[in-house]
Amino acid sequence: MLNLFKRFLKEEDGLGIVEVVLILAIMVGIALIFREKITEFVGKILASILGNEDSLDSNSTKDMIDESIENNMNN
């Protein structure tokens, strides 16, 4: 068991996991920084898919996305 642990410490395969975690952390940070723009963009896409082109202002888009998130959390 001790030899298995020593081999695990010497392996470099874990570096790939660290790189993926760092990339994910950077992506989450960028998403948080540009949250409003991303919300607006997604809202426009959803509005065009659902046929609600008249509700493209940012407040109604945010409300629509917040309502969708609440519905998903309740289900």
Protein backbone atom coordinates (compact mmCIF):
# COMPACT_ATOMS: atom_id res chain seq x y z
CA MET A 1 0.00 0.00 0.00
CA LEU A 2 2.86 2.35 0.79
CA ASN A 3 4.47 1.62 -2.59
CA LEU A 4 1.20 2.42 -4.34
CA PHE A 5 1.05 5.78 -2.57
CA LYS A 6 4.68 6.55 -3.49
CA ARG A 7 4.00 5.75 -7.16
CA PHE A 8 0.94 8.00 -7.04
CA LEU A 9 3.05 10.90 -5.75
CA LYS A 10 5.65 10.40 -8.50
CA GLU A 11 3.12 10.30 -11.36
CA GLU A 12 2.64 13.47 -13.37
CA ASP A 13 -0.83 12.63 -14.66
CA GLY A 14 -2.34 14.85 -11.99
CA LEU A 15 -0.90 17.92 -13.70
CA GLY A 16 -3.54 17.59 -16.42
CA ILE A 17 -6.25 17.83 -13.77
CA VAL A 18 -4.68 20.95 -12.31
CA GLU A 19 -4.62 22.56 -15.75
CA VAL A 20 -8.29 21.75 -16.32
CA VAL A 21 -9.22 23.17 -12.92
CA LEU A 22 -7.30 26.38 -13.66
CA ILE A 23 -8.98 26.76 -17.04
CA LEU A 24 -12.40 26.24 -15.44
CA ALA A 25 -11.60 28.81 -12.75
CA ILE A 26 -10.62 31.35 -15.40
CA MET A 27 -13.80 30.65 -17.38
CA VAL A 28 -15.96 31.09 -14.27
CA GLY A 29 -14.18 34.36 -13.51
CA ILE A 30 -14.79 35.64 -17.02
CA ALA A 31 -18.43 34.56 -16.84
CA LEU A 32 -18.84 36.48 -13.58
CA ILE A 33 -17.19 39.59 -15.01
CA PHE A 34 -19.35 39.59 -18.16
CA ARG A 35 -22.50 38.24 -16.51
CA GLU A 36 -24.79 41.06 -17.66
CA LYS A 37 -23.64 40.89 -21.28
CA ILE A 38 -23.94 37.10 -21.33
CA THR A 39 -27.43 37.33 -19.80
CA GLU A 40 -28.47 39.87 -22.41
CA PHE A 41 -27.06 37.75 -25.24
CA VAL A 42 -28.74 34.56 -24.05
CA GLY A 43 -31.98 36.45 -23.48
CA LYS A 44 -31.97 37.74 -27.05
CA ILE A 45 -31.41 34.24 -28.37
CA LEU A 46 -34.20 32.84 -26.20
CA ALA A 47 -36.53 35.67 -27.19
CA SER A 48 -35.90 35.06 -30.89
CA ILE A 49 -36.45 31.31 -30.46
CA LEU A 50 -39.64 31.80 -28.45
CA GLY A 51 -40.89 34.59 -30.71
CA ASN A 52 -40.78 37.34 -28.08
CA GLU A 53 -38.77 39.91 -30.01
CA ASP A 54 -40.59 42.78 -28.30
CA SER A 55 -39.08 41.84 -24.93
CA LEU A 56 -35.40 42.34 -25.71
CA ASP A 57 -34.58 45.00 -23.13
CA SER A 58 -32.11 43.94 -20.48
CA ASN A 59 -34.51 44.09 -17.51
CA SER A 60 -37.10 41.78 -19.04
CA THR A 61 -34.33 39.50 -20.27
CA LYS A 62 -32.88 39.28 -16.78
CA ASP A 63 -36.33 38.65 -15.32
CA MET A 64 -36.98 35.93 -17.90
CA ILE A 65 -33.70 34.16 -17.10
CA ASP A 66 -34.20 34.54 -13.33
CA GLU A 67 -37.71 33.08 -13.66
CA SER A 68 -36.33 30.17 -15.69
CA ILE A 69 -33.66 29.49 -13.05
CA GLU A 70 -36.27 29.57 -10.27
CA ASN A 71 -38.49 27.13 -12.19
CA ASN A 72 -35.57 24.77 -12.69
CA MET A 73 -34.63 24.93 -9.01
CA ASN A 74 -38.19 24.12 -7.94
CA ASN A 75 -38.35 21.05 -10.20
